[in-house]
N, C-alpha and C. Protein backbone atom coordinates (compact mmCIF):
# COMPACT_ATOMS: atom_id res chain seq x y z
N MET A 1 -49.69 -24.81 -72.69
CA MET A 1 -48.76 -24.01 -71.92
C MET A 1 -49.39 -22.64 -71.67
N ALA A 2 -49.38 -22.21 -70.43
CA ALA A 2 -49.98 -20.94 -70.05
C ALA A 2 -48.99 -19.80 -70.23
N ASN A 3 -49.51 -18.62 -70.27
CA ASN A 3 -48.69 -17.42 -70.49
C ASN A 3 -48.69 -16.53 -69.26
N LEU A 4 -47.69 -15.65 -69.24
CA LEU A 4 -47.59 -14.62 -68.22
C LEU A 4 -47.49 -13.29 -68.93
N GLU A 5 -48.31 -12.35 -68.50
CA GLU A 5 -48.22 -10.99 -69.01
C GLU A 5 -47.75 -10.11 -67.86
N ILE A 6 -46.73 -9.30 -68.13
CA ILE A 6 -46.19 -8.37 -67.13
C ILE A 6 -46.44 -6.96 -67.65
N ILE A 7 -47.24 -6.21 -66.92
CA ILE A 7 -47.59 -4.85 -67.34
C ILE A 7 -46.97 -3.88 -66.34
N PRO A 8 -45.89 -3.18 -66.75
CA PRO A 8 -45.26 -2.24 -65.82
C PRO A 8 -45.99 -0.91 -65.77
N GLU A 9 -45.93 -0.29 -64.58
CA GLU A 9 -46.53 1.02 -64.37
C GLU A 9 -45.61 1.80 -63.44
N GLU A 10 -45.32 3.03 -63.79
CA GLU A 10 -44.48 3.89 -62.95
C GLU A 10 -45.37 4.81 -62.13
N LYS A 11 -45.09 4.89 -60.85
CA LYS A 11 -45.84 5.79 -59.96
C LYS A 11 -44.81 6.46 -59.06
N THR A 12 -44.51 7.70 -59.34
CA THR A 12 -43.42 8.45 -58.70
C THR A 12 -42.13 7.65 -58.79
N ASP A 13 -41.54 7.28 -57.66
CA ASP A 13 -40.31 6.50 -57.70
C ASP A 13 -40.54 5.01 -57.45
N VAL A 14 -41.78 4.58 -57.63
CA VAL A 14 -42.15 3.18 -57.42
C VAL A 14 -42.55 2.57 -58.76
N THR A 15 -42.08 1.34 -58.99
CA THR A 15 -42.49 0.60 -60.19
C THR A 15 -43.47 -0.48 -59.77
N ILE A 16 -44.60 -0.52 -60.46
CA ILE A 16 -45.63 -1.52 -60.20
C ILE A 16 -45.61 -2.50 -61.37
N LEU A 17 -45.51 -3.78 -61.04
CA LEU A 17 -45.59 -4.81 -62.06
C LEU A 17 -46.90 -5.56 -61.87
N HIS A 18 -47.79 -5.43 -62.83
CA HIS A 18 -49.06 -6.15 -62.80
C HIS A 18 -48.84 -7.49 -63.49
N LEU A 19 -49.08 -8.57 -62.76
CA LEU A 19 -48.91 -9.91 -63.32
C LEU A 19 -50.26 -10.48 -63.70
N LYS A 20 -50.31 -11.09 -64.86
CA LYS A 20 -51.56 -11.67 -65.35
C LYS A 20 -51.24 -13.04 -65.95
N GLY A 21 -51.94 -14.06 -65.47
CA GLY A 21 -51.75 -15.40 -66.02
C GLY A 21 -51.09 -16.35 -65.05
N PHE A 22 -50.04 -17.03 -65.52
CA PHE A 22 -49.40 -18.09 -64.76
C PHE A 22 -47.92 -17.80 -64.60
N LEU A 23 -47.43 -17.83 -63.36
CA LEU A 23 -46.00 -17.68 -63.07
C LEU A 23 -45.50 -19.06 -62.67
N ASP A 24 -44.89 -19.74 -63.63
CA ASP A 24 -44.50 -21.13 -63.40
C ASP A 24 -43.18 -21.43 -64.10
N ALA A 25 -42.86 -22.71 -64.24
CA ALA A 25 -41.58 -23.12 -64.83
C ALA A 25 -41.41 -22.64 -66.27
N TYR A 26 -42.50 -22.37 -66.95
CA TYR A 26 -42.44 -21.91 -68.34
C TYR A 26 -42.29 -20.39 -68.46
N THR A 27 -42.68 -19.67 -67.41
CA THR A 27 -42.73 -18.21 -67.53
C THR A 27 -41.86 -17.47 -66.52
N PHE A 28 -41.28 -18.18 -65.56
CA PHE A 28 -40.55 -17.48 -64.49
C PHE A 28 -39.38 -16.66 -65.01
N GLN A 29 -38.74 -17.12 -66.08
CA GLN A 29 -37.56 -16.43 -66.59
C GLN A 29 -37.90 -15.02 -67.07
N GLU A 30 -39.06 -14.87 -67.67
CA GLU A 30 -39.51 -13.54 -68.13
C GLU A 30 -39.66 -12.58 -66.94
N PHE A 31 -40.25 -13.07 -65.86
CA PHE A 31 -40.43 -12.26 -64.66
C PHE A 31 -39.08 -11.94 -64.01
N GLU A 32 -38.22 -12.93 -63.93
CA GLU A 32 -36.89 -12.71 -63.34
C GLU A 32 -36.10 -11.69 -64.15
N ASN A 33 -36.16 -11.79 -65.48
CA ASN A 33 -35.46 -10.83 -66.34
C ASN A 33 -35.98 -9.41 -66.11
N LYS A 34 -37.29 -9.27 -65.95
CA LYS A 34 -37.87 -7.95 -65.73
C LYS A 34 -37.39 -7.36 -64.40
N LEU A 35 -37.37 -8.18 -63.36
CA LEU A 35 -36.90 -7.70 -62.06
C LEU A 35 -35.42 -7.31 -62.12
N LYS A 36 -34.61 -8.11 -62.77
CA LYS A 36 -33.18 -7.80 -62.89
C LYS A 36 -32.96 -6.52 -63.70
N GLU A 37 -33.79 -6.32 -64.71
CA GLU A 37 -33.72 -5.09 -65.51
C GLU A 37 -34.01 -3.86 -64.63
N LEU A 38 -35.02 -3.99 -63.77
CA LEU A 38 -35.36 -2.89 -62.86
C LEU A 38 -34.20 -2.60 -61.90
N VAL A 39 -33.60 -3.65 -61.36
CA VAL A 39 -32.47 -3.46 -60.44
C VAL A 39 -31.30 -2.80 -61.16
N ASP A 40 -31.02 -3.24 -62.37
CA ASP A 40 -29.94 -2.65 -63.17
C ASP A 40 -30.19 -1.17 -63.43
N ASP A 41 -31.47 -0.79 -63.54
CA ASP A 41 -31.84 0.61 -63.78
C ASP A 41 -32.03 1.39 -62.47
N GLU A 42 -31.64 0.75 -61.35
CA GLU A 42 -31.76 1.36 -60.02
C GLU A 42 -33.21 1.66 -59.63
N LYS A 43 -34.13 0.91 -60.18
CA LYS A 43 -35.55 1.01 -59.80
C LYS A 43 -35.80 -0.10 -58.79
N ILE A 44 -35.60 0.23 -57.52
CA ILE A 44 -35.56 -0.80 -56.49
C ILE A 44 -36.74 -0.72 -55.51
N LYS A 45 -37.70 0.14 -55.80
CA LYS A 45 -38.96 0.16 -55.05
C LYS A 45 -40.00 -0.47 -55.97
N ILE A 46 -40.33 -1.72 -55.68
CA ILE A 46 -41.14 -2.52 -56.60
C ILE A 46 -42.37 -3.06 -55.89
N ILE A 47 -43.50 -2.91 -56.55
CA ILE A 47 -44.75 -3.50 -56.10
C ILE A 47 -45.18 -4.51 -57.16
N VAL A 48 -45.52 -5.71 -56.70
CA VAL A 48 -46.02 -6.73 -57.61
C VAL A 48 -47.51 -6.92 -57.33
N ALA A 49 -48.34 -6.50 -58.29
CA ALA A 49 -49.79 -6.61 -58.17
C ALA A 49 -50.23 -7.94 -58.78
N MET A 50 -50.91 -8.76 -57.99
CA MET A 50 -51.23 -10.12 -58.42
C MET A 50 -52.72 -10.42 -58.53
N ASP A 51 -53.53 -9.38 -58.68
CA ASP A 51 -54.97 -9.63 -58.74
C ASP A 51 -55.38 -10.45 -59.96
N GLU A 52 -54.55 -10.47 -61.00
CA GLU A 52 -54.87 -11.27 -62.18
C GLU A 52 -53.90 -12.44 -62.37
N LEU A 53 -53.14 -12.75 -61.32
CA LEU A 53 -52.26 -13.92 -61.37
C LEU A 53 -53.08 -15.13 -60.96
N ASP A 54 -53.22 -16.09 -61.87
CA ASP A 54 -54.05 -17.25 -61.62
C ASP A 54 -53.32 -18.38 -60.90
N TYR A 55 -51.98 -18.42 -61.06
CA TYR A 55 -51.23 -19.55 -60.52
C TYR A 55 -49.78 -19.16 -60.33
N ILE A 56 -49.18 -19.66 -59.25
CA ILE A 56 -47.74 -19.50 -59.05
C ILE A 56 -47.16 -20.83 -58.60
N SER A 57 -46.05 -21.22 -59.20
CA SER A 57 -45.38 -22.48 -58.85
C SER A 57 -44.14 -22.19 -58.03
N SER A 58 -43.44 -23.23 -57.65
CA SER A 58 -42.20 -23.05 -56.90
C SER A 58 -41.16 -22.29 -57.72
N ALA A 59 -41.16 -22.47 -59.02
CA ALA A 59 -40.24 -21.72 -59.88
C ALA A 59 -40.55 -20.23 -59.81
N GLY A 60 -41.81 -19.88 -59.80
CA GLY A 60 -42.21 -18.49 -59.68
C GLY A 60 -41.84 -17.91 -58.33
N LEU A 61 -42.04 -18.68 -57.27
CA LEU A 61 -41.67 -18.23 -55.94
C LEU A 61 -40.16 -18.04 -55.83
N GLY A 62 -39.42 -18.89 -56.51
CA GLY A 62 -37.97 -18.81 -56.48
C GLY A 62 -37.45 -17.49 -57.01
N VAL A 63 -38.16 -16.90 -57.95
CA VAL A 63 -37.75 -15.60 -58.50
C VAL A 63 -37.72 -14.55 -57.40
N PHE A 64 -38.74 -14.55 -56.57
CA PHE A 64 -38.78 -13.57 -55.47
C PHE A 64 -37.56 -13.73 -54.57
N MET A 65 -37.22 -14.96 -54.26
CA MET A 65 -36.08 -15.21 -53.38
C MET A 65 -34.76 -14.88 -54.05
N SER A 66 -34.68 -15.05 -55.35
CA SER A 66 -33.41 -14.83 -56.04
C SER A 66 -33.04 -13.35 -56.15
N VAL A 67 -34.01 -12.46 -56.09
CA VAL A 67 -33.70 -11.04 -56.27
C VAL A 67 -33.87 -10.18 -55.02
N ILE A 68 -34.56 -10.69 -54.01
CA ILE A 68 -34.88 -9.83 -52.87
C ILE A 68 -33.64 -9.37 -52.12
N GLY A 69 -32.65 -10.22 -51.98
CA GLY A 69 -31.43 -9.83 -51.27
C GLY A 69 -30.72 -8.69 -51.96
N GLN A 70 -30.62 -8.78 -53.27
CA GLN A 70 -29.96 -7.74 -54.06
C GLN A 70 -30.73 -6.42 -53.97
N ILE A 71 -32.04 -6.49 -54.04
CA ILE A 71 -32.87 -5.28 -53.98
C ILE A 71 -32.77 -4.62 -52.60
N ARG A 72 -32.85 -5.42 -51.55
CA ARG A 72 -32.78 -4.85 -50.20
C ARG A 72 -31.38 -4.34 -49.89
N ALA A 73 -30.35 -4.96 -50.43
CA ALA A 73 -28.98 -4.48 -50.22
C ALA A 73 -28.79 -3.09 -50.81
N LYS A 74 -29.58 -2.76 -51.82
CA LYS A 74 -29.49 -1.43 -52.44
C LYS A 74 -30.46 -0.43 -51.80
N GLY A 75 -31.16 -0.86 -50.74
CA GLY A 75 -32.07 0.05 -50.05
C GLY A 75 -33.50 -0.01 -50.56
N GLY A 76 -33.81 -0.97 -51.40
CA GLY A 76 -35.16 -1.09 -51.95
C GLY A 76 -35.93 -2.23 -51.30
N ASP A 77 -37.07 -2.53 -51.88
CA ASP A 77 -37.89 -3.63 -51.39
C ASP A 77 -38.88 -4.05 -52.46
N VAL A 78 -39.47 -5.21 -52.24
CA VAL A 78 -40.56 -5.71 -53.08
C VAL A 78 -41.76 -5.90 -52.16
N LYS A 79 -42.87 -5.30 -52.55
CA LYS A 79 -44.12 -5.43 -51.79
C LYS A 79 -45.17 -6.07 -52.69
N LEU A 80 -46.03 -6.86 -52.11
CA LEU A 80 -47.02 -7.62 -52.86
C LEU A 80 -48.42 -7.09 -52.59
N THR A 81 -49.22 -7.00 -53.64
CA THR A 81 -50.59 -6.53 -53.46
C THR A 81 -51.57 -7.44 -54.17
N GLN A 82 -52.78 -7.42 -53.67
CA GLN A 82 -53.94 -8.00 -54.32
C GLN A 82 -53.78 -9.49 -54.64
N LEU A 83 -53.20 -10.24 -53.72
CA LEU A 83 -53.06 -11.68 -53.93
C LEU A 83 -54.43 -12.33 -53.80
N ASN A 84 -54.80 -13.12 -54.80
CA ASN A 84 -56.06 -13.85 -54.65
C ASN A 84 -55.86 -14.94 -53.61
N SER A 85 -56.93 -15.56 -53.18
CA SER A 85 -56.85 -16.50 -52.05
C SER A 85 -55.94 -17.69 -52.36
N LYS A 86 -55.95 -18.21 -53.59
CA LYS A 86 -55.09 -19.35 -53.94
C LYS A 86 -53.62 -18.97 -53.85
N VAL A 87 -53.27 -17.85 -54.44
CA VAL A 87 -51.87 -17.41 -54.45
C VAL A 87 -51.43 -17.04 -53.03
N PHE A 88 -52.29 -16.37 -52.28
CA PHE A 88 -51.95 -16.00 -50.91
C PHE A 88 -51.66 -17.24 -50.07
N LYS A 89 -52.47 -18.28 -50.23
CA LYS A 89 -52.27 -19.51 -49.45
C LYS A 89 -50.90 -20.12 -49.72
N VAL A 90 -50.46 -20.08 -50.96
CA VAL A 90 -49.13 -20.61 -51.30
C VAL A 90 -48.05 -19.78 -50.61
N PHE A 91 -48.16 -18.45 -50.68
CA PHE A 91 -47.19 -17.58 -50.04
C PHE A 91 -47.18 -17.80 -48.53
N GLU A 92 -48.37 -17.93 -47.96
CA GLU A 92 -48.48 -18.10 -46.51
C GLU A 92 -47.94 -19.46 -46.07
N LEU A 93 -48.29 -20.50 -46.78
CA LEU A 93 -47.87 -21.86 -46.44
C LEU A 93 -46.35 -21.98 -46.42
N LEU A 94 -45.68 -21.31 -47.34
CA LEU A 94 -44.23 -21.40 -47.44
C LEU A 94 -43.50 -20.33 -46.63
N GLY A 95 -44.24 -19.52 -45.88
CA GLY A 95 -43.64 -18.53 -45.01
C GLY A 95 -43.23 -17.24 -45.71
N PHE A 96 -43.64 -17.06 -46.96
CA PHE A 96 -43.26 -15.87 -47.71
C PHE A 96 -43.94 -14.61 -47.17
N THR A 97 -45.06 -14.77 -46.48
CA THR A 97 -45.74 -13.60 -45.92
C THR A 97 -44.94 -13.01 -44.76
N LYS A 98 -43.97 -13.75 -44.24
CA LYS A 98 -43.08 -13.21 -43.21
C LYS A 98 -41.90 -12.48 -43.85
N LEU A 99 -41.60 -12.79 -45.10
CA LEU A 99 -40.47 -12.17 -45.81
C LEU A 99 -40.89 -10.96 -46.64
N PHE A 100 -42.12 -10.96 -47.10
CA PHE A 100 -42.62 -9.91 -47.98
C PHE A 100 -43.88 -9.31 -47.39
N GLN A 101 -43.95 -7.97 -47.38
CA GLN A 101 -45.17 -7.31 -46.92
C GLN A 101 -46.24 -7.46 -47.99
N THR A 102 -47.47 -7.73 -47.55
CA THR A 102 -48.59 -7.82 -48.48
C THR A 102 -49.61 -6.73 -48.13
N PHE A 103 -50.25 -6.23 -49.17
CA PHE A 103 -51.23 -5.15 -49.02
C PHE A 103 -52.46 -5.47 -49.84
N ASP A 104 -53.59 -4.93 -49.39
CA ASP A 104 -54.85 -5.15 -50.10
C ASP A 104 -54.91 -4.40 -51.43
N ASN A 105 -54.23 -3.24 -51.48
CA ASN A 105 -54.29 -2.47 -52.71
C ASN A 105 -52.96 -1.76 -52.97
N ILE A 106 -52.82 -1.28 -54.16
CA ILE A 106 -51.57 -0.65 -54.61
C ILE A 106 -51.28 0.63 -53.83
N GLU A 107 -52.30 1.43 -53.56
CA GLU A 107 -52.10 2.69 -52.87
C GLU A 107 -51.47 2.49 -51.50
N GLU A 108 -51.93 1.48 -50.76
CA GLU A 108 -51.35 1.19 -49.45
C GLU A 108 -49.87 0.82 -49.58
N ALA A 109 -49.54 0.03 -50.57
CA ALA A 109 -48.15 -0.38 -50.78
C ALA A 109 -47.28 0.81 -51.17
N VAL A 110 -47.79 1.68 -52.05
CA VAL A 110 -47.04 2.87 -52.43
C VAL A 110 -46.79 3.74 -51.20
N ASP A 111 -47.83 3.96 -50.41
CA ASP A 111 -47.71 4.79 -49.21
C ASP A 111 -46.69 4.20 -48.23
N ASN A 112 -46.56 2.88 -48.20
CA ASN A 112 -45.64 2.23 -47.29
C ASN A 112 -44.18 2.48 -47.67
N PHE A 113 -43.92 2.85 -48.90
CA PHE A 113 -42.57 3.17 -49.33
C PHE A 113 -42.13 4.56 -48.87
N LYS A 114 -43.08 5.40 -48.47
CA LYS A 114 -42.74 6.78 -48.11
C LYS A 114 -42.11 6.87 -46.74
């Protein structure tokens, strides 16, 4: 069973979540709980950095869909950065690149919130 490491970083009024490992049926709940915690704390400008995410399953993708409506209703958003080619292909194939903005690096995503 693979693991997921979530490393939070605060940058002004933006929260960056660095994901490392596997976001799948075994680990999605941890990621979902972290996102819900941020929303509860009114931290609704979120960047998910995926340069060290090795794999994402449908359960992992479902987390993004389960929270995005709530975050956007509060005036926030989730932006994605540094998707490796495997993860990007999954997002693109399922049309998630039309729902979520993707950026090459964290700085571009932070600047996009301004």
